[in-house]
Each structure stands twice: as C-alpha cells, then as structure tokens.
Amino acid sequence: MACRSGCKTQDHATWGECARAADLKVSAIAPHNQEGYDRTKKELAAYRAARSAGIQPEGTTMDKIQAARRASENMTRPYNANVDPPASMVVNKKAGEFITRSES
C-alpha cells in the first residue's frame, strides 16, 4: 500500500490517490496570524461599504473609517478626505455645517 500514515482505509493504489481522497487543505495563513488576517478582512469590508456610500476615509483602518462615517453624519454629506479637513476636526453638527457652508 502507498497510503499516507493517517489514512483510515489504507486501500488506495497510490499516495496521490490517498491524498486526493483525504481532500487535504493548505493554508497560506499561519494560525498565529489568523487574528490579523480576520481584522484586515473586516476593515477592508468596512472600507468598501464606506466607499460605496460615497465616503472617502483617510485610511483603511477601522478608526479612520468610523471617523469618516461620523464626519459624514455631522456634515450631512459624504466625507471626502481628499478635500475636507481631517475627520477628527468634524466633531459635531456645528463644525459640519461650518465646513459645508464655507464650501458654497
């Protein structure tokens, strides 16, 4: 037999046939790195959602995305990091109104 040592049936003609039957998976992500990978996936999903809402955050981290969302709420229009002041400065509706008014 040419089966793998962990094969339950030990009846495959070749090692490759045994491996295919076992449906082995190879992961490019080490277990200790899974948390960072998951966080990045969530941040990029949140960034994509913000961009689809017309918001341009200052970056792709969750803090930047949430700050851009808060700034958008205060400005009553989508925040754009390329032309608006930093999102951390748009702290309330009055600041948002001032920024929106000064654009007109």
PDB file of N, CA and C in Angstrom:
ATOM      1  N   MET A   1       0.832  -1.186   0.000  1.00  0.00           N
ATOM      2  CA  MET A   1       0.000   0.000   0.000  1.00  0.00           C
ATOM      3  C   MET A   1       0.877   1.250   0.000  1.00  0.00           C
ATOM      4  N   ALA A   2       0.371   2.257  -0.668  1.00  0.00           N
ATOM      5  CA  ALA A   2       1.109   3.510  -0.752  1.00  0.00           C
ATOM      6  C   ALA A   2       0.359   4.631  -0.054  1.00  0.00           C
ATOM      7  N   CYS A   3      -0.487   4.288   0.890  1.00  0.00           N
ATOM      8  CA  CYS A   3      -1.305   5.295   1.566  1.00  0.00           C
ATOM      9  C   CYS A   3      -0.488   6.109   2.562  1.00  0.00           C
ATOM     10  N   ARG A   4      -1.072   7.237   2.919  1.00  0.00           N
ATOM     11  CA  ARG A   4      -0.493   8.088   3.961  1.00  0.00           C
ATOM     12  C   ARG A   4      -0.636   7.379   5.292  1.00  0.00           C
ATOM     13  N   SER A   5       0.169   7.778   6.260  1.00  0.00           N
ATOM     14  CA  SER A   5       0.103   7.114   7.563  1.00  0.00           C
ATOM     15  C   SER A   5      -1.221   7.404   8.273  1.00  0.00           C
ATOM     16  N   GLY A   6      -1.859   8.547   7.965  1.00  0.00           N
ATOM     17  CA  GLY A   6      -3.118   8.895   8.620  1.00  0.00           C
ATOM     18  C   GLY A   6      -4.357   8.428   7.881  1.00  0.00           C
ATOM     19  N   CYS A   7      -4.192   7.649   6.817  1.00  0.00           N
ATOM     20  CA  CYS A   7      -5.327   7.165   6.029  1.00  0.00           C
ATOM     21  C   CYS A   7      -6.144   6.152   6.834  1.00  0.00           C
ATOM     22  N   LYS A   8      -7.461   6.345   6.849  1.00  0.00           N
ATOM     23  CA  LYS A   8      -8.321   5.452   7.619  1.00  0.00           C
ATOM     24  C   LYS A   8      -8.573   4.131   6.898  1.00  0.00           C
ATOM     25  N   THR A   9      -8.615   4.162   5.558  1.00  0.00           N
ATOM     26  CA  THR A   9      -8.964   2.946   4.822  1.00  0.00           C
ATOM     27  C   THR A   9      -7.752   2.135   4.378  1.00  0.00           C
ATOM     28  N   GLN A  10      -6.622   2.790   4.132  1.00  0.00           N
ATOM     29  CA  GLN A  10      -5.381   2.148   3.688  1.00  0.00           C
ATOM     30  C   GLN A  10      -5.605   1.255   2.458  1.00  0.00           C
ATOM     31  N   ASP A  11      -6.447   1.714   1.518  1.00  0.00           N
ATOM     32  CA  ASP A  11      -6.743   0.887   0.348  1.00  0.00           C
ATOM     33  C   ASP A  11      -6.539   1.600  -0.988  1.00  0.00           C
ATOM     34  N   HIS A  12      -5.772   2.678  -0.997  1.00  0.00           N
ATOM     35  CA  HIS A  12      -5.539   3.432  -2.227  1.00  0.00           C
ATOM     36  C   HIS A  12      -4.331   2.881  -2.981  1.00  0.00           C
ATOM     37  N   ALA A  13      -4.402   2.968  -4.298  1.00  0.00           N
ATOM     38  CA  ALA A  13      -3.330   2.417  -5.134  1.00  0.00           C
ATOM     39  C   ALA A  13      -2.055   3.259  -5.056  1.00  0.00           C
ATOM     40  N   THR A  14      -2.216   4.589  -4.907  1.00  0.00           N
ATOM     41  CA  THR A  14      -1.036   5.461  -4.859  1.00  0.00           C
ATOM     42  C   THR A  14      -1.186   6.460  -3.709  1.00  0.00           C
ATOM     43  N   TRP A  15      -0.058   7.071  -3.346  1.00  0.00           N
ATOM     44  CA  TRP A  15      -0.085   8.096  -2.302  1.00  0.00           C
ATOM     45  C   TRP A  15      -0.925   9.277  -2.767  1.00  0.00           C
ATOM     46  N   GLY A  16      -0.805   9.675  -4.058  1.00  0.00           N
ATOM     47  CA  GLY A  16      -1.577  10.797  -4.599  1.00  0.00           C
ATOM     48  C   GLY A  16      -3.071  10.543  -4.529  1.00  0.00           C
ATOM     49  N   GLU A  17      -3.491   9.328  -4.860  1.00  0.00           N
ATOM     50  CA  GLU A  17      -4.915   8.975  -4.786  1.00  0.00           C
ATOM     51  C   GLU A  17      -5.403   9.096  -3.339  1.00  0.00           C
ATOM     52  N   CYS A  18      -4.572   8.668  -2.411  1.00  0.00           N
ATOM     53  CA  CYS A  18      -4.904   8.744  -0.989  1.00  0.00           C
ATOM     54  C   CYS A  18      -5.039  10.209  -0.550  1.00  0.00           C
ATOM     55  N   ALA A  19      -4.093  11.053  -0.976  1.00  0.00           N
ATOM     56  CA  ALA A  19      -4.120  12.469  -0.608  1.00  0.00           C
ATOM     57  C   ALA A  19      -5.344  13.159  -1.198  1.00  0.00           C
ATOM     58  N   ARG A  20      -5.678  12.836  -2.460  1.00  0.00           N
ATOM     59  CA  ARG A  20      -6.871  13.423  -3.083  1.00  0.00           C
ATOM     60  C   ARG A  20      -8.138  12.997  -2.337  1.00  0.00           C
ATOM     61  N   ALA A  21      -8.204  11.750  -1.934  1.00  0.00           N
ATOM     62  CA  ALA A  21      -9.371  11.241  -1.209  1.00  0.00           C
ATOM     63  C   ALA A  21      -9.502  11.918   0.160  1.00  0.00           C
ATOM     64  N   ALA A  22      -8.379  12.271   0.754  1.00  0.00           N
ATOM     65  CA  ALA A  22      -8.398  12.926   2.062  1.00  0.00           C
ATOM     66  C   ALA A  22      -8.799  14.384   1.945  1.00  0.00           C
ATOM     67  N   ASP A  23      -8.761  14.953   0.716  1.00  0.00           N
ATOM     68  CA  ASP A  23      -9.116  16.352   0.470  1.00  0.00           C
ATOM     69  C   ASP A  23      -8.303  17.287   1.361  1.00  0.00           C
ATOM     70  N   LEU A  24      -6.986  17.134   1.310  1.00  0.00           N
ATOM     71  CA  LEU A  24      -6.084  17.950   2.118  1.00  0.00           C
ATOM     72  C   LEU A  24      -6.188  19.421   1.741  1.00  0.00           C
ATOM     73  N   LYS A  25      -6.086  20.297   2.720  1.00  0.00           N
ATOM     74  CA  LYS A  25      -6.118  21.747   2.508  1.00  0.00           C
ATOM     75  C   LYS A  25      -4.791  22.341   2.958  1.00  0.00           C
ATOM     76  N   VAL A  26      -4.309  23.299   2.191  1.00  0.00           N
ATOM     77  CA  VAL A  26      -3.091  24.009   2.548  1.00  0.00           C
ATOM     78  C   VAL A  26      -3.467  25.463   2.794  1.00  0.00           C
ATOM     79  N   SER A  27      -3.082  25.979   3.921  1.00  0.00           N
ATOM     80  CA  SER A  27      -3.418  27.352   4.273  1.00  0.00           C
ATOM     81  C   SER A  27      -2.168  28.218   4.189  1.00  0.00           C
ATOM     82  N   ALA A  28      -2.309  29.367   3.561  1.00  0.00           N
ATOM     83  CA  ALA A  28      -1.196  30.301   3.463  1.00  0.00           C
ATOM     84  C   ALA A  28      -1.088  31.146   4.722  1.00  0.00           C
ATOM     85  N   ILE A  29      -2.044  31.007   5.623  1.00  0.00           N
ATOM     86  CA  ILE A  29      -2.069  31.818   6.833  1.00  0.00           C
ATOM     87  C   ILE A  29      -1.710  30.951   8.022  1.00  0.00           C
ATOM     88  N   ALA A  30      -0.670  31.342   8.700  1.00  0.00           N
ATOM     89  CA  ALA A  30      -0.270  30.610   9.902  1.00  0.00           C
ATOM     90  C   ALA A  30      -1.299  30.873  11.005  1.00  0.00           C
ATOM     91  N   PRO A  31      -1.560  29.905  11.862  1.00  0.00           N
ATOM     92  CA  PRO A  31      -2.573  30.076  12.909  1.00  0.00           C
ATOM     93  C   PRO A  31      -2.353  31.311  13.781  1.00  0.00           C
ATOM     94  N   HIS A  32      -1.108  31.653  14.068  1.00  0.00           N
ATOM     95  CA  HIS A  32      -0.836  32.809  14.911  1.00  0.00           C
ATOM     96  C   HIS A  32      -1.123  34.117  14.176  1.00  0.00           C
ATOM     97  N   ASN A  33      -1.289  34.071  12.869  1.00  0.00           N
ATOM     98  CA  ASN A  33      -1.530  35.264  12.079  1.00  0.00           C
ATOM     99  C   ASN A  33      -3.002  35.409  11.700  1.00  0.00           C
ATOM    100  N   GLN A  34      -3.844  34.487  12.105  1.00  0.00           N
ATOM    101  CA  GLN A  34      -5.258  34.480  11.726  1.00  0.00           C
ATOM    102  C   GLN A  34      -5.982  35.720  12.243  1.00  0.00           C
ATOM    103  N   GLU A  35      -5.669  36.154  13.455  1.00  0.00           N
ATOM    104  CA  GLU A  35      -6.343  37.316  14.034  1.00  0.00           C
ATOM    105  C   GLU A  35      -6.098  38.564  13.186  1.00  0.00           C
ATOM    106  N   GLY A  36      -4.873  38.770  12.771  1.00  0.00           N
ATOM    107  CA  GLY A  36      -4.555  39.919  11.923  1.00  0.00           C
ATOM    108  C   GLY A  36      -5.242  39.823  10.573  1.00  0.00           C
ATOM    109  N   TYR A  37      -5.300  38.630  10.036  1.00  0.00           N
ATOM    110  CA  TYR A  37      -5.976  38.413   8.752  1.00  0.00           C
ATOM    111  C   TYR A  37      -7.464  38.724   8.874  1.00  0.00           C
ATOM    112  N   ASP A  38      -8.097  38.238   9.945  1.00  0.00           N
ATOM    113  CA  ASP A  38      -9.522  38.485  10.150  1.00  0.00           C
ATOM    114  C   ASP A  38      -9.801  39.975  10.336  1.00  0.00           C
ATOM    115  N   ARG A  39      -8.941  40.656  11.100  1.00  0.00           N
ATOM    116  CA  ARG A  39      -9.118  42.093  11.325  1.00  0.00           C
ATOM    117  C   ARG A  39      -9.004  42.849  10.002  1.00  0.00           C
ATOM    118  N   THR A  40      -8.026  42.483   9.192  1.00  0.00           N
ATOM    119  CA  THR A  40      -7.843  43.135   7.899  1.00  0.00           C
ATOM    120  C   THR A  40      -9.057  42.921   6.998  1.00  0.00           C
ATOM    121  N   LYS A  41      -9.594  41.692   6.993  1.00  0.00           N
ATOM    122  CA  LYS A  41     -10.783  41.410   6.185  1.00  0.00           C
ATOM    123  C   LYS A  41     -11.955  42.286   6.612  1.00  0.00           C
ATOM    124  N   LYS A  42     -12.160  42.441   7.921  1.00  0.00           N
ATOM    125  CA  LYS A  42     -13.260  43.270   8.431  1.00  0.00           C
ATOM    126  C   LYS A  42     -13.051  44.738   8.068  1.00  0.00           C
ATOM    127  N   GLU A  43     -11.809  45.212   8.216  1.00  0.00           N
ATOM    128  CA  GLU A  43     -11.523  46.607   7.895  1.00  0.00           C
ATOM    129  C   GLU A  43     -11.739  46.886   6.409  1.00  0.00           C
ATOM    130  N   LEU A  44     -11.285  45.985   5.563  1.00  0.00           N
ATOM    131  CA  LEU A  44     -11.456  46.203   4.129  1.00  0.00           C
ATOM    132  C   LEU A  44     -12.920  46.111   3.717  1.00  0.00           C
ATOM    133  N   ALA A  45     -13.692  45.261   4.367  1.00  0.00           N
ATOM    134  CA  ALA A  45     -15.137  45.194   4.091  1.00  0.00           C
ATOM    135  C   ALA A  45     -15.815  46.497   4.517  1.00  0.00           C
ATOM    136  N   ALA A  46     -15.420  47.034   5.675  1.00  0.00           N
ATOM    137  CA  ALA A  46     -15.983  48.302   6.147  1.00  0.00           C
ATOM    138  C   ALA A  46     -15.571  49.447   5.225  1.00  0.00           C
ATOM    139  N   TYR A  47     -14.326  49.418   4.747  1.00  0.00           N
ATOM    140  CA  TYR A  47     -13.851  50.446   3.812  1.00  0.00           C
ATOM    141  C   TYR A  47     -14.646  50.396   2.510  1.00  0.00           C
ATOM    142  N   ARG A  48     -14.857  49.175   1.992  1.00  0.00           N
ATOM    143  CA  ARG A  48     -15.649  49.014   0.757  1.00  0.00           C
ATOM    144  C   ARG A  48     -17.062  49.551   0.938  1.00  0.00           C
ATOM    145  N   ALA A  49     -17.666  49.273   2.099  1.00  0.00           N
ATOM    146  CA  ALA A  49     -19.022  49.754   2.385  1.00  0.00           C
ATOM    147  C   ALA A  49     -19.047  51.283   2.452  1.00  0.00           C
ATOM    148  N   ALA A  50     -18.032  51.872   3.081  1.00  0.00           N
ATOM    149  CA  ALA A  50     -17.958  53.335   3.159  1.00  0.00           C
ATOM    150  C   ALA A  50     -17.799  53.937   1.768  1.00  0.00           C
ATOM    151  N   ARG A  51     -16.930  53.358   0.959  1.00  0.00           N
ATOM    152  CA  ARG A  51     -16.717  53.872  -0.408  1.00  0.00           C
ATOM    153  C   ARG A  51     -17.990  53.751  -1.240  1.00  0.00           C
ATOM    154  N   SER A  52     -18.737  52.667  -1.044  1.00  0.00           N
ATOM    155  CA  SER A  52     -19.973  52.510  -1.816  1.00  0.00           C
ATOM    156  C   SER A  52     -21.036  53.506  -1.356  1.00  0.00           C
ATOM    157  N   ALA A  53     -20.884  54.043  -0.142  1.00  0.00           N
ATOM    158  CA  ALA A  53     -21.789  55.084   0.355  1.00  0.00           C
ATOM    159  C   ALA A  53     -21.294  56.473  -0.029  1.00  0.00           C
ATOM    160  N   GLY A  54     -20.188  56.555  -0.772  1.00  0.00           N
ATOM    161  CA  GLY A  54     -19.656  57.835  -1.219  1.00  0.00           C
ATOM    162  C   GLY A  54     -18.657  58.460  -0.267  1.00  0.00           C
ATOM    163  N   ILE A  55     -18.315  57.767   0.786  1.00  0.00           N
ATOM    164  CA  ILE A  55     -17.386  58.285   1.806  1.00  0.00           C
ATOM    165  C   ILE A  55     -15.966  57.904   1.430  1.00  0.00           C
ATOM    166  N   GLN A  56     -15.038  58.876   1.535  1.00  0.00           N
ATOM    167  CA  GLN A  56     -13.619  58.615   1.291  1.00  0.00           C
ATOM    168  C   GLN A  56     -12.867  58.802   2.604  1.00  0.00           C
ATOM    169  N   PRO A  57     -12.636  57.715   3.361  1.00  0.00           N
ATOM    170  CA  PRO A  57     -11.906  57.827   4.630  1.00  0.00           C
ATOM    171  C   PRO A  57     -10.439  58.200   4.407  1.00  0.00           C
ATOM    172  N   GLU A  58      -9.785  58.603   5.481  1.00  0.00           N
ATOM    173  CA  GLU A  58      -8.364  58.957   5.424  1.00  0.00           C
ATOM    174  C   GLU A  58      -7.476  57.727   5.322  1.00  0.00           C
ATOM    175  N   GLY A  59      -8.020  56.558   5.610  1.00  0.00           N
ATOM    176  CA  GLY A  59      -7.252  55.317   5.543  1.00  0.00           C
ATOM    177  C   GLY A  59      -8.173  54.121   5.630  1.00  0.00           C
ATOM    178  N   THR A  60      -7.581  52.939   5.705  1.00  0.00           N
ATOM    179  CA  THR A  60      -8.385  51.716   5.720  1.00  0.00           C
ATOM    180  C   THR A  60      -8.530  51.104   7.110  1.00  0.00           C
ATOM    181  N   THR A  61      -7.975  51.742   8.144  1.00  0.00           N
ATOM    182  CA  THR A  61      -8.147  51.198   9.488  1.00  0.00           C
ATOM    183  C   THR A  61      -9.556  51.508   9.981  1.00  0.00           C
ATOM    184  N   MET A  62     -10.047  50.688  10.898  1.00  0.00           N
ATOM    185  CA  MET A  62     -11.407  50.848  11.403  1.00  0.00           C
ATOM    186  C   MET A  62     -11.601  52.221  12.054  1.00  0.00           C
ATOM    187  N   ASP A  63     -10.586  52.725  12.757  1.00  0.00           N
ATOM    188  CA  ASP A  63     -10.687  54.052  13.382  1.00  0.00           C
ATOM    189  C   ASP A  63     -10.918  55.140  12.334  1.00  0.00           C
ATOM    190  N   LYS A  64     -10.172  55.095  11.247  1.00  0.00           N
ATOM    191  CA  LYS A  64     -10.304  56.099  10.186  1.00  0.00           C
ATOM    192  C   LYS A  64     -11.670  55.997   9.498  1.00  0.00           C
ATOM    193  N   ILE A  65     -12.129  54.778   9.300  1.00  0.00           N
ATOM    194  CA  ILE A  65     -13.420  54.564   8.640  1.00  0.00           C
ATOM    195  C   ILE A  65     -14.550  55.069   9.523  1.00  0.00           C
ATOM    196  N   GLN A  66     -14.498  54.748  10.809  1.00  0.00           N
ATOM    197  CA  GLN A  66     -15.539  55.206  11.729  1.00  0.00           C
ATOM    198  C   GLN A  66     -15.511  56.726  11.876  1.00  0.00           C
ATOM    199  N   ALA A  67     -14.327  57.320  11.902  1.00  0.00           N
ATOM    200  CA  ALA A  67     -14.224  58.780  11.984  1.00  0.00           C
ATOM    201  C   ALA A  67     -14.827  59.424  10.743  1.00  0.00           C
ATOM    202  N   ALA A  68     -14.596  58.848   9.576  1.00  0.00           N
ATOM    203  CA  ALA A  68     -15.163  59.380   8.335  1.00  0.00           C
ATOM    204  C   ALA A  68     -16.682  59.241   8.334  1.00  0.00           C
ATOM    205  N   ARG A  69     -17.196  58.156   8.871  1.00  0.00           N
ATOM    206  CA  ARG A  69     -18.660  57.983   8.965  1.00  0.00           C
ATOM    207  C   ARG A  69     -19.273  59.019   9.902  1.00  0.00           C
ATOM    208  N   ARG A  70     -18.624  59.256  11.053  1.00  0.00           N
ATOM    209  CA  ARG A  70     -19.116  60.280  11.991  1.00  0.00           C
ATOM    210  C   ARG A  70     -19.063  61.665  11.351  1.00  0.00           C
ATOM    211  N   ALA A  71     -17.971  61.946  10.643  1.00  0.00           N
ATOM    212  CA  ALA A  71     -17.848  63.245   9.971  1.00  0.00           C
ATOM    213  C   ALA A  71     -18.943  63.397   8.920  1.00  0.00           C
ATOM    214  N   SER A  72     -19.259  62.343   8.204  1.00  0.00           N
ATOM    215  CA  SER A  72     -20.321  62.381   7.196  1.00  0.00           C
ATOM    216  C   SER A  72     -21.666  62.700   7.837  1.00  0.00           C
ATOM    217  N   GLU A  73     -21.924  62.084   8.980  1.00  0.00           N
ATOM    218  CA  GLU A  73     -23.175  62.360   9.697  1.00  0.00           C
ATOM    219  C   GLU A  73     -23.233  63.826  10.133  1.00  0.00           C
ATOM    220  N   ASN A  74     -22.115  64.347  10.626  1.00  0.00           N
ATOM    221  CA  ASN A  74     -22.087  65.732  11.082  1.00  0.00           C
ATOM    222  C   ASN A  74     -22.147  66.740   9.935  1.00  0.00           C
ATOM    223  N   MET A  75     -21.642  66.358   8.779  1.00  0.00           N
ATOM    224  CA  MET A  75     -21.625  67.270   7.631  1.00  0.00           C
ATOM    225  C   MET A  75     -22.876  67.129   6.770  1.00  0.00           C
ATOM    226  N   THR A  76     -23.678  66.119   7.028  1.00  0.00           N
ATOM    227  CA  THR A  76     -24.880  65.799   6.254  1.00  0.00           C
ATOM    228  C   THR A  76     -24.584  65.580   4.770  1.00  0.00           C
ATOM    229  N   ARG A  77     -23.396  65.103   4.488  1.00  0.00           N
ATOM    230  CA  ARG A  77     -22.979  64.695   3.139  1.00  0.00           C
ATOM    231  C   ARG A  77     -21.795  63.769   3.304  1.00  0.00           C
ATOM    232  N   PRO A  78     -21.467  62.991   2.279  1.00  0.00           N
ATOM    233  CA  PRO A  78     -20.321  62.077   2.406  1.00  0.00           C
ATOM    234  C   PRO A  78     -19.006  62.823   2.640  1.00  0.00           C
ATOM    235  N   TYR A  79     -18.235  62.333   3.583  1.00  0.00           N
ATOM    236  CA  TYR A  79     -16.917  62.898   3.895  1.00  0.00           C
ATOM    237  C   TYR A  79     -15.927  62.490   2.811  1.00  0.00           C
ATOM    238  N   ASN A  80     -15.042  63.424   2.434  1.00  0.00           N
ATOM    239  CA  ASN A  80     -14.002  63.139   1.439  1.00  0.00           C
ATOM    240  C   ASN A  80     -12.670  63.607   2.005  1.00  0.00           C
ATOM    241  N   ALA A  81     -11.820  62.680   2.367  1.00  0.00           N
ATOM    242  CA  ALA A  81     -10.530  63.003   2.981  1.00  0.00           C
ATOM    243  C   ALA A  81      -9.616  63.783   2.039  1.00  0.00           C
ATOM    244  N   ASN A  82      -9.877  63.713   0.734  1.00  0.00           N
ATOM    245  CA  ASN A  82      -9.024  64.422  -0.223  1.00  0.00           C
ATOM    246  C   ASN A  82      -9.265  65.923  -0.229  1.00  0.00           C
ATOM    247  N   VAL A  83     -10.445  66.366   0.183  1.00  0.00           N
ATOM    248  CA  VAL A  83     -10.744  67.804   0.128  1.00  0.00           C
ATOM    249  C   VAL A  83     -11.224  68.379   1.459  1.00  0.00           C
ATOM    250  N   ASP A  84     -11.747  67.558   2.344  1.00  0.00           N
ATOM    251  CA  ASP A  84     -12.265  68.037   3.626  1.00  0.00           C
ATOM    252  C   ASP A  84     -11.157  68.076   4.668  1.00  0.00           C
ATOM    253  N   PRO A  85     -11.375  68.869   5.736  1.00  0.00           N
ATOM    254  CA  PRO A  85     -10.413  68.845   6.846  1.00  0.00           C
ATOM    255  C   PRO A  85     -10.370  67.448   7.470  1.00  0.00           C
ATOM    256  N   PRO A  86      -9.378  67.157   8.283  1.00  0.00           N
ATOM    257  CA  PRO A  86      -9.314  65.838   8.921  1.00  0.00           C
ATOM    258  C   PRO A  86     -10.624  65.513   9.642  1.00  0.00           C
ATOM    259  N   ALA A  87     -11.041  64.275   9.559  1.00  0.00           N
ATOM    260  CA  ALA A  87     -12.311  63.853  10.153  1.00  0.00           C
ATOM    261  C   ALA A  87     -12.345  64.118  11.651  1.00  0.00           C
ATOM    262  N   SER A  88     -11.198  64.090  12.302  1.00  0.00           N
ATOM    263  CA  SER A  88     -11.147  64.336  13.748  1.00  0.00           C
ATOM    264  C   SER A  88     -11.543  65.771  14.099  1.00  0.00           C
ATOM    265  N   MET A  89     -11.530  66.673  13.122  1.00  0.00           N
ATOM    266  CA  MET A  89     -11.921  68.069  13.374  1.00  0.00           C
ATOM    267  C   MET A  89     -13.428  68.283  13.222  1.00  0.00           C
ATOM    268  N   VAL A  90     -14.108  67.364  12.587  1.00  0.00           N
ATOM    269  CA  VAL A  90     -15.554  67.490  12.383  1.00  0.00           C
ATOM    270  C   VAL A  90     -16.226  66.771  13.556  1.00  0.00           C
ATOM    271  N   VAL A  91     -16.209  67.459  14.714  1.00  0.00           N
ATOM    272  CA  VAL A  91     -16.614  66.821  15.960  1.00  0.00           C
ATOM    273  C   VAL A  91     -18.114  66.894  16.252  1.00  0.00           C
ATOM    274  N   ASN A  92     -18.805  67.829  15.619  1.00  0.00           N
ATOM    275  CA  ASN A  92     -20.241  67.951  15.871  1.00  0.00           C
ATOM    276  C   ASN A  92     -20.940  68.553  14.646  1.00  0.00           C
ATOM    277  N   LYS A  93     -22.254  68.682  14.733  1.00  0.00           N
ATOM    278  CA  LYS A  93     -23.040  69.191  13.599  1.00  0.00           C
ATOM    279  C   LYS A  93     -22.658  70.634  13.264  1.00  0.00           C
ATOM    280  N   LYS A  94     -22.337  71.428  14.280  1.00  0.00           N
ATOM    281  CA  LYS A  94     -21.971  72.835  14.041  1.00  0.00           C
ATOM    282  C   LYS A  94     -20.695  72.919  13.205  1.00  0.00           C
ATOM    283  N   ALA A  95     -19.713  72.102  13.537  1.00  0.00           N
ATOM    284  CA  ALA A  95     -18.474  72.074  12.753  1.00  0.00           C
ATOM    285  C   ALA A  95     -18.769  71.596  11.341  1.00  0.00           C
ATOM    286  N   GLY A  96     -19.630  70.593  11.208  1.00  0.00           N
ATOM    287  CA  GLY A  96     -20.010  70.093   9.893  1.00  0.00           C
ATOM    288  C   GLY A  96     -20.713  71.139   9.064  1.00  0.00           C
ATOM    289  N   GLU A  97     -21.619  71.899   9.695  1.00  0.00           N
ATOM    290  CA  GLU A  97     -22.316  72.984   8.984  1.00  0.00           C
ATOM    291  C   GLU A  97     -21.331  74.053   8.537  1.00  0.00           C
ATOM    292  N   PHE A  98     -20.363  74.375   9.401  1.00  0.00           N
ATOM    293  CA  PHE A  98     -19.371  75.400   9.057  1.00  0.00           C
ATOM    294  C   PHE A  98     -18.570  74.979   7.824  1.00  0.00           C
ATOM    295  N   ILE A  99     -18.144  73.731   7.796  1.00  0.00           N
ATOM    296  CA  ILE A  99     -17.359  73.229   6.660  1.00  0.00           C
ATOM    297  C   ILE A  99     -18.201  73.228   5.390  1.00  0.00           C
ATOM    298  N   THR A 100     -19.424  72.751   5.497  1.00  0.00           N
ATOM    299  CA  THR A 100     -20.309  72.677   4.332  1.00  0.00           C
ATOM    300  C   THR A 100     -20.650  74.078   3.828  1.00  0.00           C
ATOM    301  N   ARG A 101     -20.875  75.017   4.759  1.00  0.00           N
ATOM    302  CA  ARG A 101     -21.207  76.401   4.384  1.00  0.00           C
ATOM    303  C   ARG A 101     -20.018  77.092   3.721  1.00  0.00           C
ATOM    304  N   SER A 102     -18.828  76.857   4.218  1.00  0.00           N
ATOM    305  CA  SER A 102     -17.643  77.541   3.677  1.00  0.00           C
ATOM    306  C   SER A 102     -17.309  77.047   2.264  1.00  0.00           C
ATOM    307  N   GLU A 103     -17.874  75.903   1.868  1.00  0.00           N
ATOM    308  CA  GLU A 103     -17.639  75.391   0.511  1.00  0.00           C
ATOM    309  C   GLU A 103     -18.481  76.123  -0.533  1.00  0.00           C
ATOM    310  N   SER A 104     -19.596  76.664  -0.078  1.00  0.00           N
ATOM    311  CA  SER A 104     -20.522  77.320  -1.019  1.00  0.00           C
ATOM    312  C   SER A 104     -20.042  78.664  -1.494  1.00  0.00           C
TER     313      SER A 104
END
